[in-house]
């Protein structure tokens, strides 16, 4: 069974949430109730994708553990996630609320103040999401009831654990299904039954009937948007025009603020040029040949994530011959920074 959660930004009293409703604030531990059942959800944001685990429990020893998947919906800037696979179950006969029919949920993502962040909403078991079937009330916390592989990523997210390779490797380990030990059946003591005279057996003709097989309704898996989709849907904001003279132009990209895991992709004239560029205090350098450029060119910086401190900002230094041009570039979940590169004839003045 998959349970989908969707968080819509409403009113935010936190300044960071007003500027970027989700970003790093999604990564962490969430406690509360879903349909009156105690829940702990661990979310990790990787670019615009969400992964982690969810625990439905009555105590630290009675629980069901699921792997979760999700993403940031670019259409309405909402958070979507679902229970993807049951990977551990230690309920000792406890009847948790979990049902086998597919369900989806929507929750408001809000920050009432004082650093408090909440997810509140409803569960829907109909695909049209018309009839609420339970409540969702979650709050972000600093503590965890259950210790697992995601704790390392969450605790070290801003100091390198947000690396996609680390998240993918932890996901592989965390979603390994635990082997269940089944106790052997207890052998009953055999006693000799009394001898009963046999009676003639009358065989009856039993008609053969076909039993219809029930098929389970499945909700199609929703995939996170690709970097190309982000490029197309986000607004391009003109930042600066740089003249190109000579044979080439060299571009250097740095993180413009605190090193917090910003990652970008570059598009030149609507074509993906480079992706997964991690911004640090050391330059990421590319060199473009002037002969490969048109007369007018658009270079667009698309944020793959917003780092720990949104928005995604970079400092670009362009070197053309003996001249230098710089620009401050900012990209969010709704906009991308655009630089215009224009070929100019070299001046003959001494």
Protein backbone atom coordinates (compact mmCIF):
# COMPACT_ATOMS: atom_id res chain seq x y z
CA UNK A 1 0.00 0.00 0.00
CA UNK A 2 1.20 3.49 -0.81
CA UNK A 3 0.17 6.49 1.30
CA UNK A 4 0.75 9.88 -0.33
CA UNK A 5 1.28 13.06 1.66
CA UNK A 6 1.04 16.50 0.05
CA UNK A 7 2.06 19.68 1.86
CA UNK A 8 0.84 23.06 0.56
CA UNK A 9 2.49 26.31 1.73
CA UNK A 10 -0.11 28.64 3.31
CA UNK A 11 0.88 31.40 5.77
CA UNK A 12 4.48 31.49 7.01
CA UNK A 13 5.71 33.45 9.96
CA UNK A 14 9.31 32.34 9.42
CA UNK A 15 11.31 34.61 7.09
CA UNK A 16 13.19 31.69 5.53
CA UNK A 17 9.96 29.90 4.77
CA UNK A 18 8.55 32.96 3.03
CA UNK A 19 11.58 33.06 0.74
CA UNK A 20 11.72 29.30 0.16
CA UNK A 21 8.74 27.31 1.55
CA UNK A 22 10.49 23.96 1.72
CA UNK A 23 14.20 23.55 0.91
CA UNK A 24 16.25 22.30 3.87
CA UNK A 25 13.28 22.65 6.27
CA UNK A 26 11.87 19.36 4.93
CA UNK A 27 14.96 17.34 5.90
CA UNK A 28 14.59 16.10 9.47
CA UNK A 29 12.47 14.06 11.89
CA UNK A 30 8.69 14.55 12.06
CA UNK A 31 6.56 13.25 14.96
CA UNK A 32 2.79 13.14 15.41
CA UNK A 33 -0.25 11.15 14.39
CA UNK A 34 -1.77 9.88 11.16
CA UNK A 35 -5.35 8.66 11.61
CA UNK A 36 -4.76 8.69 15.41
CA UNK A 37 -1.76 6.35 15.01
CA UNK A 38 1.62 7.44 16.44
CA UNK A 39 4.04 8.15 13.59
CA UNK A 40 7.69 9.10 13.17
CA UNK A 41 8.71 10.16 9.65
CA UNK A 42 12.33 10.80 8.63
CA UNK A 43 12.62 12.89 5.46
CA UNK A 44 15.75 13.69 3.46
CA UNK A 45 15.58 16.17 0.58
CA UNK A 46 17.85 15.34 -2.40
CA UNK A 47 17.52 18.05 -5.05
CA UNK A 48 13.69 18.06 -5.36
CA UNK A 49 13.28 14.39 -4.37
CA UNK A 50 12.40 13.08 -0.91
CA UNK A 51 13.47 9.77 0.61
CA UNK A 52 13.65 8.29 4.10
CA UNK A 53 11.57 6.10 6.42
CA UNK A 54 8.29 6.16 8.34
CA UNK A 55 7.42 4.31 11.56
CA UNK A 56 3.85 3.58 12.69
CA UNK A 57 4.12 2.50 16.33
CA UNK A 58 2.60 2.00 19.75
CA UNK A 59 6.00 1.78 21.45
CA UNK A 60 9.69 1.57 20.56
CA UNK A 61 9.34 -2.22 20.21
CA UNK A 62 5.93 -2.41 18.48
CA UNK A 63 6.01 -0.80 15.03
CA UNK A 64 5.79 -1.06 11.26
CA UNK A 65 8.63 0.51 9.26
CA UNK A 66 8.25 1.70 5.65
CA UNK A 67 10.62 3.23 3.13
CA UNK A 68 9.25 6.48 1.72
CA UNK A 69 9.60 8.32 -1.59
CA UNK A 70 8.47 11.76 -2.67
CA UNK A 71 9.29 15.03 -4.39
CA UNK A 72 8.68 18.79 -4.48
CA UNK A 73 5.77 19.54 -6.83
CA UNK A 74 6.80 22.49 -9.02
CA UNK A 75 3.19 23.23 -10.02
CA UNK A 76 2.09 24.47 -6.58
CA UNK A 77 5.34 24.31 -4.57
CA UNK A 78 3.93 21.50 -2.42
CA UNK A 79 5.54 18.48 -0.74
CA UNK A 80 4.44 14.99 -1.84
CA UNK A 81 5.56 11.69 -0.30
CA UNK A 82 4.23 8.16 0.15
CA UNK A 83 4.96 4.91 2.01
CA UNK A 84 6.66 2.84 -0.68
CA UNK A 85 7.62 -0.52 0.86
CA UNK A 86 7.14 -2.30 4.18
CA UNK A 87 10.70 -3.13 5.29
CA UNK A 88 10.24 -4.15 8.94
CA UNK A 89 7.33 -5.24 11.12
CA UNK A 90 7.43 -5.90 14.85
CA UNK A 91 3.85 -5.51 15.99
CA UNK A 92 3.41 -8.67 18.08
CA UNK A 93 -0.19 -8.97 16.94
CA UNK A 94 -0.96 -5.28 17.46
CA UNK A 95 -3.63 -4.14 15.00
CA UNK A 96 -2.28 -0.90 13.55
CA UNK A 97 -4.53 1.28 11.43
CA UNK A 98 -2.62 0.51 8.18
CA UNK A 99 -4.99 -0.74 5.46
CA UNK A 100 -4.18 -2.54 2.24
CA UNK A 101 -6.15 -0.19 0.03
CA UNK A 102 -4.16 2.62 -1.62
CA UNK A 103 -4.52 5.99 0.07
CA UNK A 104 -3.38 9.57 -0.50
CA UNK A 105 -3.03 12.44 1.93
CA UNK A 106 -2.72 16.22 1.84
CA UNK A 107 -1.25 18.37 4.60
CA UNK A 108 -0.60 22.07 5.11
CA UNK A 109 3.09 22.90 5.68
CA UNK A 110 3.20 25.83 8.11
CA UNK A 111 5.45 27.62 10.56
CA UNK A 112 3.39 29.27 13.35
CA UNK A 113 6.49 30.86 14.93
CA UNK A 114 9.25 30.11 17.38
CA UNK A 115 10.97 27.75 14.95
CA UNK A 116 7.97 25.35 15.00
CA UNK A 117 7.18 23.58 11.71
CA UNK A 118 4.06 21.49 11.15
CA UNK A 119 2.28 19.28 8.62
CA UNK A 120 -1.50 19.12 9.11
CA UNK A 121 -4.09 17.60 6.79
CA UNK A 122 -6.21 14.59 5.87
CA UNK A 123 -5.95 11.06 4.44
CA UNK A 124 -7.99 10.23 1.34
CA UNK A 125 -8.67 6.67 0.22
CA UNK A 126 -10.57 7.70 -2.92
CA UNK A 127 -8.47 8.65 -5.93
CA UNK A 128 -10.40 11.90 -6.41
CA UNK A 129 -9.49 12.99 -2.84
CA UNK A 130 -13.05 14.08 -2.08
CA UNK A 131 -13.82 12.19 1.16
CA UNK A 132 -11.35 12.62 4.07
CA UNK A 133 -10.65 9.32 5.82
CA UNK A 134 -8.39 10.43 8.67
CA UNK A 135 -6.32 13.31 10.05
CA UNK A 136 -2.59 14.11 9.78
CA UNK A 137 -0.79 16.11 12.49
CA UNK A 138 3.02 16.12 12.37
CA UNK A 139 5.60 18.44 13.92
CA UNK A 140 9.33 18.63 13.21
CA UNK A 141 11.48 17.60 16.19
CA UNK A 142 15.15 17.28 17.16
CA UNK A 143 14.75 13.83 18.74
CA UNK A 144 14.01 10.39 17.32
CA UNK A 145 12.30 7.36 18.87
CA UNK A 146 13.87 4.99 16.33
CA UNK A 147 17.54 4.83 15.37
CA UNK A 148 18.33 3.91 11.77
CA UNK A 149 20.61 4.63 8.82
CA UNK A 150 19.01 8.01 8.04
CA UNK A 151 20.12 9.57 11.36
CA UNK A 152 23.64 10.10 9.99
CA UNK A 153 22.36 11.92 6.89
CA UNK A 154 19.93 14.12 8.83
CA UNK A 155 22.48 15.09 11.52
CA UNK A 156 25.22 15.84 8.98
CA UNK A 157 23.10 17.14 6.08
CA UNK A 158 24.66 20.61 5.98
CA UNK A 159 28.27 19.40 6.25
CA UNK A 160 28.48 16.98 3.34
CA UNK A 161 25.92 14.22 3.97
CA UNK A 162 23.60 15.82 1.37
CA UNK A 163 25.84 14.35 -1.33
CA UNK A 164 23.65 12.36 -3.78
CA UNK A 165 26.02 9.36 -3.66
CA UNK A 166 25.79 9.20 0.14
CA UNK A 167 21.98 9.46 0.07
CA UNK A 168 21.71 6.76 -2.62
CA UNK A 169 24.00 4.40 -0.67
CA UNK A 170 22.06 4.92 2.58
CA UNK A 171 18.80 4.34 0.70
CA UNK A 172 20.09 0.99 -0.55
CA UNK A 173 20.99 -0.10 2.98
CA UNK A 174 17.84 1.25 4.61
CA UNK A 175 15.42 -0.44 2.22
CA UNK A 176 16.89 -3.92 2.70
CA UNK A 177 13.98 -6.06 3.87
CA UNK A 178 14.57 -7.63 7.26
CA UNK A 179 14.38 -11.43 7.36
CA UNK A 180 11.52 -12.66 9.49
CA UNK A 181 12.07 -15.66 11.77
CA UNK A 182 9.07 -17.96 11.82
CA UNK A 183 8.70 -20.27 14.80
CA UNK A 184 8.25 -23.95 13.85
CA UNK A 185 4.77 -25.36 14.51
CA UNK A 186 4.28 -27.14 17.80
CA UNK A 187 3.85 -30.87 17.23
CA UNK A 188 0.75 -32.22 18.90
CA UNK A 189 0.83 -35.47 20.81
CA UNK A 190 -0.84 -38.26 18.92
CA UNK A 191 -3.34 -40.54 20.63
CA UNK A 192 -4.84 -43.69 19.24
CA UNK A 193 -8.47 -43.03 18.19
CA UNK A 194 -11.16 -45.58 18.98
CA UNK A 195 -11.92 -48.06 16.23
CA UNK A 196 -15.20 -47.20 14.46
CA UNK A 197 -16.80 -49.55 11.94
CA UNK A 198 -16.50 -48.19 8.41
CA UNK A 199 -19.65 -47.12 6.59
CA UNK A 200 -20.04 -47.10 2.83
CA UNK A 201 -19.09 -43.73 1.32
CA UNK A 202 -21.49 -42.20 -1.15
CA UNK A 203 -19.70 -40.00 -3.70
CA UNK A 204 -21.54 -36.88 -4.79
CA UNK A 205 -20.94 -34.94 -8.01
CA UNK A 206 -19.74 -31.43 -7.06
CA UNK A 207 -20.19 -28.77 -9.77
CA UNK A 208 -17.05 -26.83 -10.69
CA UNK A 209 -17.42 -23.06 -10.32
CA UNK A 210 -15.07 -20.31 -11.34
CA UNK A 211 -14.07 -17.90 -8.54
CA UNK A 212 -13.31 -14.37 -9.79
CA UNK A 213 -9.83 -13.12 -8.87
CA UNK A 214 -9.78 -9.73 -7.17
CA UNK A 215 -7.23 -7.29 -8.55
CA UNK A 216 -5.70 -4.63 -6.32
CA UNK A 217 -6.03 -1.05 -7.50
CA UNK A 218 -2.61 0.53 -7.85
CA UNK A 219 -1.74 4.20 -7.86
CA UNK A 220 0.85 4.97 -10.55
CA UNK A 221 4.21 6.02 -9.14
CA UNK A 222 4.79 9.76 -9.48
CA UNK A 223 8.32 10.72 -10.48
CA UNK A 224 10.19 13.85 -9.49
CA UNK A 225 10.64 16.45 -12.26
CA UNK A 226 13.84 16.22 -14.32
CA UNK A 227 16.31 19.08 -14.60
CA UNK A 228 15.00 19.69 -18.14
CA UNK A 229 11.46 20.07 -16.77
CA UNK A 230 12.71 22.52 -14.14
CA UNK A 231 14.45 24.53 -16.87
CA UNK A 232 11.28 24.74 -18.97
CA UNK A 233 8.81 25.55 -16.16
CA UNK A 234 10.85 28.12 -14.21
CA UNK A 235 10.94 31.82 -15.09
CA UNK A 236 14.23 33.05 -16.60
CA UNK A 237 15.35 36.30 -14.94
CA UNK A 238 17.83 38.41 -16.96
CA UNK A 239 20.84 39.31 -14.80
CA UNK A 240 23.63 40.69 -17.00
CA UNK A 241 24.95 41.01 -20.55
CA UNK A 242 28.59 40.10 -21.21
CA UNK A 243 30.38 40.95 -24.48
CA UNK A 244 32.38 38.13 -26.08
CA UNK A 245 35.48 39.12 -28.07
CA UNK A 246 38.42 37.05 -29.12
CA UNK A 247 38.50 33.27 -29.40
CA UNK A 248 36.93 32.16 -26.11
CA UNK A 249 35.31 33.07 -22.79
CA UNK A 250 36.16 31.49 -19.43
CA UNK A 251 33.46 31.20 -16.73
CA UNK A 252 34.14 30.49 -13.06
CA UNK A 253 31.38 29.65 -10.57
CA UNK A 254 31.62 29.89 -6.76
CA UNK A 255 29.14 29.60 -3.88
CA UNK A 256 28.23 33.21 -3.12
CA UNK A 257 27.48 32.69 0.59
CA UNK A 258 28.11 30.06 3.24
CA UNK A 259 29.08 26.72 1.72
CA UNK A 260 25.79 24.87 2.24
CA UNK A 261 25.56 22.25 -0.52
CA UNK A 262 24.19 24.34 -3.41
CA UNK A 263 24.08 22.37 -6.68
CA UNK A 264 23.30 23.80 -10.15
CA UNK A 265 22.94 22.91 -13.84
CA UNK A 266 23.83 25.15 -16.80
CA UNK A 267 21.86 25.47 -20.04
CA UNK A 268 23.24 27.24 -23.13
CA UNK A 269 20.71 28.23 -25.78
CA UNK A 270 18.09 25.79 -24.38
CA UNK A 271 20.53 22.84 -24.34
CA UNK A 272 21.85 21.19 -21.16
CA UNK A 273 25.55 22.05 -20.95
CA UNK A 274 26.64 20.80 -17.48
CA UNK A 275 24.78 19.38 -14.49
CA UNK A 276 25.41 18.40 -10.84
CA UNK A 277 27.82 21.31 -10.33
CA UNK A 278 28.57 21.55 -6.58
CA UNK A 279 29.31 25.15 -5.60
CA UNK A 280 32.16 25.69 -3.11
CA UNK A 281 34.77 28.34 -2.32
CA UNK A 282 36.90 26.87 -5.14
CA UNK A 283 35.92 27.77 -8.72
CA UNK A 284 34.13 25.40 -11.07
CA UNK A 285 35.60 26.51 -14.42
CA UNK A 286 34.27 26.05 -17.95
CA UNK A 287 35.65 27.47 -21.20
CA UNK A 288 33.50 28.22 -24.24
CA UNK A 289 34.89 28.63 -27.74
CA UNK A 290 33.62 31.76 -29.50
CA UNK A 291 33.22 29.88 -32.79
CA UNK A 292 30.68 27.57 -31.13
CA UNK A 293 28.54 30.49 -29.98
CA UNK A 294 25.79 32.32 -31.86
CA UNK A 295 25.67 36.09 -32.15
CA UNK A 296 23.34 36.23 -29.13
CA UNK A 297 23.41 33.47 -26.50
CA UNK A 298 21.50 32.76 -23.30
CA UNK A 299 23.29 31.00 -20.43
CA UNK A 300 20.81 29.90 -17.73
CA UNK A 301 21.67 28.70 -14.21
CA UNK A 302 19.06 26.25 -12.83
CA UNK A 303 19.09 25.32 -9.14
CA UNK A 304 19.07 21.54 -8.57
CA UNK A 305 18.54 22.19 -4.85
CA UNK A 306 18.47 25.19 -2.52
CA UNK A 307 21.15 24.03 -0.10
CA UNK A 308 20.77 24.54 3.63
CA UNK A 309 20.39 28.34 3.28
CA UNK A 310 18.01 29.25 0.41
CA UNK A 311 17.97 30.61 -2.20
CA UNK A 312 20.65 28.95 -4.33
CA UNK A 313 23.20 31.73 -4.97
CA UNK A 314 26.42 31.73 -6.94
CA UNK A 315 29.12 34.22 -7.88
CA UNK A 316 30.17 34.05 -11.53
CA UNK A 317 33.42 35.51 -12.89
CA UNK A 318 33.72 35.81 -16.69
CA UNK A 319 37.15 36.31 -18.26
CA UNK A 320 37.21 37.64 -21.84
CA UNK A 321 40.73 38.38 -23.03
CA UNK A 322 42.20 40.79 -20.49
CA UNK A 323 38.78 41.90 -19.19
CA UNK A 324 36.80 40.51 -16.28
CA UNK A 325 33.07 40.66 -15.64
CA UNK A 326 31.28 39.40 -12.54
CA UNK A 327 27.65 38.66 -11.67
CA UNK A 328 25.60 37.56 -8.66
CA UNK A 329 23.26 34.76 -9.70
CA UNK A 330 20.26 33.57 -7.67
CA UNK A 331 17.96 30.65 -8.47
CA UNK A 332 14.88 29.37 -6.63
CA UNK A 333 12.19 26.72 -7.11
CA UNK A 334 10.33 29.22 -9.30
CA UNK A 335 13.03 31.11 -11.21
CA UNK A 336 16.46 30.72 -12.85
CA UNK A 337 19.19 33.30 -13.47
CA UNK A 338 20.00 34.14 -17.10
CA UNK A 339 23.20 35.70 -18.52
CA UNK A 340 23.29 36.98 -22.12
CA UNK A 341 26.55 36.39 -24.01
CA UNK A 342 26.80 38.68 -27.07
CA UNK A 343 29.55 38.47 -29.69
CA UNK A 344 31.26 41.78 -30.26
CA UNK A 345 33.84 42.76 -32.85
CA UNK A 346 37.27 43.29 -31.28
CA UNK A 347 38.25 46.93 -31.00
CA UNK A 348 41.25 48.04 -33.10
CA UNK A 349 42.00 50.95 -30.78
CA UNK A 350 45.42 50.74 -29.09
